[in-house]
C-alpha atoms as a PDB file:
ATOM      1  CA  MET A   1      -4.780  -5.386 -74.050  1.00  0.00           C
ATOM      2  CA  LYS A   2      -6.705  -3.622 -76.835  1.00  0.00           C
ATOM      3  CA  LYS A   3      -9.940  -3.464 -74.695  1.00  0.00           C
ATOM      4  CA  LEU A   4      -7.974  -1.852 -71.851  1.00  0.00           C
ATOM      5  CA  ILE A   5      -6.558   0.831 -74.117  1.00  0.00           C
ATOM      6  CA  ALA A   6     -10.067   1.291 -75.683  1.00  0.00           C
ATOM      7  CA  ILE A   7     -11.585   1.644 -72.235  1.00  0.00           C
ATOM      8  CA  ALA A   8      -8.834   4.091 -71.173  1.00  0.00           C
ATOM      9  CA  VAL A   9      -9.470   6.311 -74.254  1.00  0.00           C
ATOM     10  CA  PHE A  10     -13.214   6.398 -73.643  1.00  0.00           C
ATOM     11  CA  VAL A  11     -12.739   7.198 -69.994  1.00  0.00           C
ATOM     12  CA  LEU A  12     -10.324  10.172 -70.812  1.00  0.00           C
ATOM     13  CA  ALA A  13     -12.622  11.412 -73.499  1.00  0.00           C
ATOM     14  CA  GLY A  14     -15.485  11.332 -71.152  1.00  0.00           C
ATOM     15  CA  VAL A  15     -13.483  13.330 -68.488  1.00  0.00           C
ATOM     16  CA  GLY A  16     -12.581  15.913 -71.185  1.00  0.00           C
ATOM     17  CA  VAL A  17     -16.245  16.347 -72.175  1.00  0.00           C
ATOM     18  CA  ALA A  18     -17.343  16.651 -68.569  1.00  0.00           C
ATOM     19  CA  THR A  19     -14.674  19.247 -67.947  1.00  0.00           C
ATOM     20  CA  ALA A  20     -15.562  21.270 -71.011  1.00  0.00           C
ATOM     21  CA  GLN A  21     -19.291  21.445 -70.048  1.00  0.00           C
ATOM     22  CA  ASN A  22     -18.652  23.548 -66.950  1.00  0.00           C
ATOM     23  CA  THR A  23     -16.568  26.499 -68.219  1.00  0.00           C
ATOM     24  CA  ALA A  24     -17.089  30.224 -67.875  1.00  0.00           C
ATOM     25  CA  LYS A  25     -16.309  32.116 -71.029  1.00  0.00           C
ATOM     26  CA  MET A  26     -15.892  35.917 -71.213  1.00  0.00           C
ATOM     27  CA  GLU A  27     -16.667  37.701 -74.432  1.00  0.00           C
ATOM     28  CA  PHE A  28     -16.060  41.517 -74.656  1.00  0.00           C
ATOM     29  CA  LYS A  29     -18.065  43.877 -76.883  1.00  0.00           C
ATOM     30  CA  THR A  30     -14.669  45.483 -77.549  1.00  0.00           C
ATOM     31  CA  GLU A  31     -11.158  44.861 -76.270  1.00  0.00           C
ATOM     32  CA  THR A  32      -9.894  48.428 -76.966  1.00  0.00           C
ATOM     33  CA  ILE A  33     -11.471  51.635 -75.970  1.00  0.00           C
ATOM     34  CA  ASP A  34     -10.380  54.749 -77.837  1.00  0.00           C
ATOM     35  CA  TYR A  35     -10.869  58.044 -75.877  1.00  0.00           C
ATOM     36  CA  GLY A  36      -9.990  59.986 -79.049  1.00  0.00           C
ATOM     37  CA  GLU A  37      -8.854  63.395 -78.289  1.00  0.00           C
ATOM     38  CA  ILE A  38     -10.224  64.586 -74.946  1.00  0.00           C
ATOM     39  CA  LYS A  39      -9.748  67.828 -72.944  1.00  0.00           C
ATOM     40  CA  LYS A  40      -7.466  67.892 -69.850  1.00  0.00           C
ATOM     41  CA  GLY A  41      -9.586  67.305 -66.736  1.00  0.00           C
ATOM     42  CA  SER A  42     -12.628  65.728 -68.569  1.00  0.00           C
ATOM     43  CA  ASP A  43     -14.290  62.594 -67.502  1.00  0.00           C
ATOM     44  CA  GLY A  44     -11.946  59.765 -67.847  1.00  0.00           C
ATOM     45  CA  VAL A  45     -14.384  56.886 -66.993  1.00  0.00           C
ATOM     46  CA  ARG A  46     -15.036  54.265 -69.550  1.00  0.00           C
ATOM     47  CA  VAL A  47     -16.544  50.768 -69.419  1.00  0.00           C
ATOM     48  CA  PHE A  48     -15.598  47.445 -70.982  1.00  0.00           C
ATOM     49  CA  GLU A  49     -18.755  45.306 -71.365  1.00  0.00           C
ATOM     50  CA  PHE A  50     -18.626  41.625 -71.468  1.00  0.00           C
ATOM     51  CA  THR A  51     -21.034  38.539 -71.460  1.00  0.00           C
ATOM     52  CA  ASN A  52     -20.522  35.162 -69.849  1.00  0.00           C
ATOM     53  CA  THR A  53     -21.239  32.950 -72.832  1.00  0.00           C
ATOM     54  CA  GLY A  54     -20.068  29.878 -70.939  1.00  0.00           C
ATOM     55  CA  ASN A  55     -22.302  27.506 -68.877  1.00  0.00           C
ATOM     56  CA  ALA A  56     -20.625  28.175 -65.409  1.00  0.00           C
ATOM     57  CA  PRO A  57     -20.423  31.281 -63.171  1.00  0.00           C
ATOM     58  CA  LEU A  58     -17.670  33.668 -64.200  1.00  0.00           C
ATOM     59  CA  VAL A  59     -15.620  35.131 -61.368  1.00  0.00           C
ATOM     60  CA  ILE A  60     -13.339  38.099 -61.945  1.00  0.00           C
ATOM     61  CA  GLU A  61     -10.550  37.476 -59.481  1.00  0.00           C
ATOM     62  CA  ASN A  62      -8.514  40.656 -60.098  1.00  0.00           C
ATOM     63  CA  VAL A  63      -8.055  43.531 -62.585  1.00  0.00           C
ATOM     64  CA  THR A  64      -4.789  45.402 -62.846  1.00  0.00           C
ATOM     65  CA  SER A  65      -3.494  48.243 -64.850  1.00  0.00           C
ATOM     66  CA  SER A  66      -0.113  49.018 -66.450  1.00  0.00           C
ATOM     67  CA  CYS A  67       0.057  52.348 -64.720  1.00  0.00           C
ATOM     68  CA  GLY A  68      -1.157  54.082 -61.611  1.00  0.00           C
ATOM     69  CA  CYS A  69      -2.872  56.676 -63.839  1.00  0.00           C
ATOM     70  CA  THR A  70      -5.449  54.004 -64.829  1.00  0.00           C
ATOM     71  CA  ILE A  71      -7.741  52.604 -62.043  1.00  0.00           C
ATOM     72  CA  PRO A  72      -9.889  49.575 -62.977  1.00  0.00           C
ATOM     73  CA  LYS A  73     -12.937  48.425 -61.023  1.00  0.00           C
ATOM     74  CA  LYS A  74     -14.151  44.833 -61.289  1.00  0.00           C
ATOM     75  CA  PRO A  75     -17.583  43.307 -60.581  1.00  0.00           C
ATOM     76  CA  GLU A  76     -17.740  42.015 -57.030  1.00  0.00           C
ATOM     77  CA  GLU A  77     -20.401  39.271 -57.758  1.00  0.00           C
ATOM     78  CA  ALA A  78     -20.069  36.252 -60.078  1.00  0.00           C
ATOM     79  CA  ILE A  79     -21.511  36.688 -63.602  1.00  0.00           C
ATOM     80  CA  MET A  80     -23.958  33.941 -64.338  1.00  0.00           C
ATOM     81  CA  PRO A  81     -24.093  32.176 -67.743  1.00  0.00           C
ATOM     82  CA  GLY A  82     -25.835  34.531 -70.264  1.00  0.00           C
ATOM     83  CA  GLU A  83     -25.466  37.584 -68.078  1.00  0.00           C
ATOM     84  CA  THR A  84     -23.448  40.680 -68.823  1.00  0.00           C
ATOM     85  CA  GLY A  85     -20.943  42.505 -66.588  1.00  0.00           C
ATOM     86  CA  GLU A  86     -18.816  45.637 -66.668  1.00  0.00           C
ATOM     87  CA  ILE A  87     -15.203  46.584 -65.992  1.00  0.00           C
ATOM     88  CA  GLU A  88     -15.008  50.316 -65.304  1.00  0.00           C
ATOM     89  CA  VAL A  89     -11.683  52.101 -66.046  1.00  0.00           C
ATOM     90  CA  LYS A  90     -10.896  55.531 -64.918  1.00  0.00           C
ATOM     91  CA  TYR A  91      -8.053  57.259 -66.659  1.00  0.00           C
ATOM     92  CA  ASP A  92      -6.412  60.457 -64.973  1.00  0.00           C
ATOM     93  CA  THR A  93      -7.071  63.053 -67.652  1.00  0.00           C
ATOM     94  CA  LYS A  94      -5.031  65.666 -65.840  1.00  0.00           C
ATOM     95  CA  ARG A  95      -1.990  64.203 -67.674  1.00  0.00           C
ATOM     96  CA  VAL A  96      -1.588  65.799 -71.128  1.00  0.00           C
ATOM     97  CA  GLY A  97      -0.375  63.464 -73.878  1.00  0.00           C
ATOM     98  CA  PRO A  98      -1.032  60.082 -75.471  1.00  0.00           C
ATOM     99  CA  ILE A  99      -2.851  57.359 -73.690  1.00  0.00           C
ATOM    100  CA  ARG A 100      -1.576  53.804 -74.303  1.00  0.00           C
ATOM    101  CA  LYS A 101      -2.402  51.538 -71.270  1.00  0.00           C
ATOM    102  CA  THR A 102      -3.280  47.949 -70.756  1.00  0.00           C
ATOM    103  CA  VAL A 103      -5.839  46.559 -68.259  1.00  0.00           C
ATOM    104  CA  THR A 104      -5.293  42.884 -67.453  1.00  0.00           C
ATOM    105  CA  VAL A 105      -8.300  40.830 -66.299  1.00  0.00           C
ATOM    106  CA  TYR A 106      -7.735  37.600 -64.192  1.00  0.00           C
ATOM    107  CA  SER A 107     -10.764  35.293 -64.014  1.00  0.00           C
ATOM    108  CA  ASN A 108     -11.908  31.636 -64.014  1.00  0.00           C
ATOM    109  CA  SER A 109     -12.752  31.934 -67.685  1.00  0.00           C
ATOM    110  CA  ASP A 110     -11.554  29.350 -70.367  1.00  0.00           C
ATOM    111  CA  VAL A 111      -8.926  32.108 -71.087  1.00  0.00           C
ATOM    112  CA  PRO A 112      -7.939  33.015 -67.539  1.00  0.00           C
ATOM    113  CA  THR A 113      -5.863  36.226 -68.370  1.00  0.00           C
ATOM    114  CA  LYS A 114      -7.161  38.762 -70.756  1.00  0.00           C
ATOM    115  CA  ALA A 115      -5.429  42.065 -71.832  1.00  0.00           C
ATOM    116  CA  LEU A 116      -7.648  44.970 -72.672  1.00  0.00           C
ATOM    117  CA  LYS A 117      -6.348  48.333 -74.144  1.00  0.00           C
ATOM    118  CA  ILE A 118      -7.264  51.915 -73.881  1.00  0.00           C
ATOM    119  CA  LYS A 119      -5.866  54.553 -76.109  1.00  0.00           C
ATOM    120  CA  GLY A 120      -6.259  58.257 -77.003  1.00  0.00           C
ATOM    121  CA  LYS A 121      -4.852  61.647 -76.355  1.00  0.00           C
ATOM    122  CA  VAL A 122      -5.406  64.158 -73.694  1.00  0.00           C
ATOM    123  CA  ILE A 123      -5.168  67.737 -75.052  1.00  0.00           C
ATOM    124  CA  ASP A 124      -4.409  70.753 -73.071  1.00  0.00           C
ATOM    125  CA  ASN A 125      -7.389  73.168 -72.870  1.00  0.00           C
ATOM    126  CA  ASP A 126      -5.403  75.864 -74.475  1.00  0.00           C
ATOM    127  CA  THR A 127      -4.811  73.701 -77.562  1.00  0.00           C
ATOM    128  CA  LEU A 128      -8.605  73.193 -78.282  1.00  0.00           C
END
């Protein structure tokens, strides 16, 4: 009986190691982009850069935002191990006021859901 338990433990451990060896892993340069104070109507495009530090292709399945004023764009192709990718975010800078939005990334990474943040403040041109 002890031999069967020992064999079962080794088999399960082997399966765990095999699974861990083929994992995509997404590491971002930064998880928050600060626009600072920007003028109304200025360029609202910013980029989140990341690297696949795993050993399997990384597929970004979807990227959503917490508001229609923020439009994210995901990579269409898989990001191979060691390669970098970008998630572009465009905020509508015609809206004066504070920026506090979340961009959610869904992928096949070891952490399949990742929340990224943008912040800042859009200032009316008359204020500057």
